[in-house]
Amino acid sequence: MEWFKTLLIVLQVISALAVILLVLLQQGKGAD
């Protein structure tokens, strides 16, 4: 089940990056 742990970590990283991107995009739109 080692691959499962790796998959979970990858999903967490992608989720964190997605949240950061959304925040940056919203801030960029707000700056306009």
N, C-alpha and C. Protein backbone atom coordinates (compact mmCIF):
# COMPACT_ATOMS: atom_id res chain seq x y z
N MET A 1 0.83 -1.22 0.00
CA MET A 1 0.00 0.00 0.00
C MET A 1 0.86 1.26 0.00
N GLU A 2 2.14 1.11 -0.32
CA GLU A 2 3.02 2.28 -0.31
C GLU A 2 2.59 3.29 -1.37
N TRP A 3 2.11 2.79 -2.51
CA TRP A 3 1.69 3.69 -3.59
C TRP A 3 0.50 4.52 -3.15
N PHE A 4 -0.33 3.95 -2.26
CA PHE A 4 -1.52 4.67 -1.79
C PHE A 4 -1.10 5.89 -0.97
N LYS A 5 -0.10 5.71 -0.12
CA LYS A 5 0.40 6.84 0.68
C LYS A 5 0.96 7.92 -0.24
N THR A 6 1.71 7.48 -1.24
CA THR A 6 2.28 8.44 -2.20
C THR A 6 1.17 9.19 -2.92
N LEU A 7 0.12 8.46 -3.30
CA LEU A 7 -1.01 9.08 -4.01
C LEU A 7 -1.66 10.14 -3.13
N LEU A 8 -1.85 9.83 -1.85
CA LEU A 8 -2.45 10.79 -0.93
C LEU A 8 -1.60 12.04 -0.81
N ILE A 9 -0.29 11.87 -0.70
CA ILE A 9 0.61 13.02 -0.58
C ILE A 9 0.53 13.88 -1.85
N VAL A 10 0.53 13.23 -3.01
CA VAL A 10 0.45 13.96 -4.27
C VAL A 10 -0.86 14.75 -4.34
N LEU A 11 -1.96 14.11 -3.94
CA LEU A 11 -3.25 14.80 -3.96
C LEU A 11 -3.24 16.00 -3.02
N GLN A 12 -2.63 15.86 -1.86
CA GLN A 12 -2.57 16.97 -0.90
C GLN A 12 -1.76 18.12 -1.48
N VAL A 13 -0.65 17.81 -2.13
CA VAL A 13 0.19 18.86 -2.74
C VAL A 13 -0.58 19.58 -3.84
N ILE A 14 -1.26 18.81 -4.69
CA ILE A 14 -2.05 19.41 -5.78
C ILE A 14 -3.15 20.29 -5.20
N SER A 15 -3.82 19.82 -4.16
CA SER A 15 -4.89 20.60 -3.53
C SER A 15 -4.34 21.91 -2.98
N ALA A 16 -3.20 21.84 -2.31
CA ALA A 16 -2.60 23.05 -1.74
C ALA A 16 -2.24 24.04 -2.85
N LEU A 17 -1.64 23.54 -3.93
CA LEU A 17 -1.27 24.41 -5.04
C LEU A 17 -2.51 25.03 -5.68
N ALA A 18 -3.58 24.25 -5.81
CA ALA A 18 -4.82 24.75 -6.41
C ALA A 18 -5.39 25.88 -5.57
N VAL A 19 -5.38 25.72 -4.24
CA VAL A 19 -5.90 26.77 -3.35
C VAL A 19 -5.06 28.04 -3.49
N ILE A 20 -3.74 27.89 -3.51
CA ILE A 20 -2.85 29.05 -3.65
C ILE A 20 -3.10 29.76 -4.98
N LEU A 21 -3.24 28.98 -6.06
CA LEU A 21 -3.50 29.57 -7.37
C LEU A 21 -4.82 30.33 -7.37
N LEU A 22 -5.86 29.75 -6.76
CA LEU A 22 -7.16 30.43 -6.70
C LEU A 22 -7.05 31.75 -5.96
N VAL A 23 -6.35 31.75 -4.84
CA VAL A 23 -6.19 32.98 -4.05
C VAL A 23 -5.44 34.03 -4.86
N LEU A 24 -4.36 33.61 -5.52
CA LEU A 24 -3.58 34.56 -6.32
C LEU A 24 -4.42 35.12 -7.47
N LEU A 25 -5.19 34.26 -8.13
CA LEU A 25 -6.04 34.71 -9.23
C LEU A 25 -7.08 35.71 -8.74
N GLN A 26 -7.70 35.42 -7.61
CA GLN A 26 -8.73 36.32 -7.08
C GLN A 26 -8.11 37.65 -6.67
N GLN A 27 -6.91 37.62 -6.09
CA GLN A 27 -6.23 38.86 -5.71
C GLN A 27 -5.89 39.66 -6.96
N GLY A 28 -5.46 38.98 -8.01
CA GLY A 28 -5.11 39.64 -9.26
C GLY A 28 -6.33 40.32 -9.87
N LYS A 29 -7.48 39.63 -9.84
CA LYS A 29 -8.70 40.21 -10.38
C LYS A 29 -9.13 41.40 -9.53
N GLY A 30 -8.96 41.28 -8.21
CA GLY A 30 -9.34 42.36 -7.31
C GLY A 30 -8.47 43.59 -7.53
N ALA A 31 -7.20 43.37 -7.91
CA ALA A 31 -6.27 44.48 -8.13
C ALA A 31 -6.72 45.30 -9.35
N ASP A 32 -7.35 44.63 -10.31
CA ASP A 32 -7.85 45.35 -11.49
C ASP A 32 -8.96 46.27 -11.03
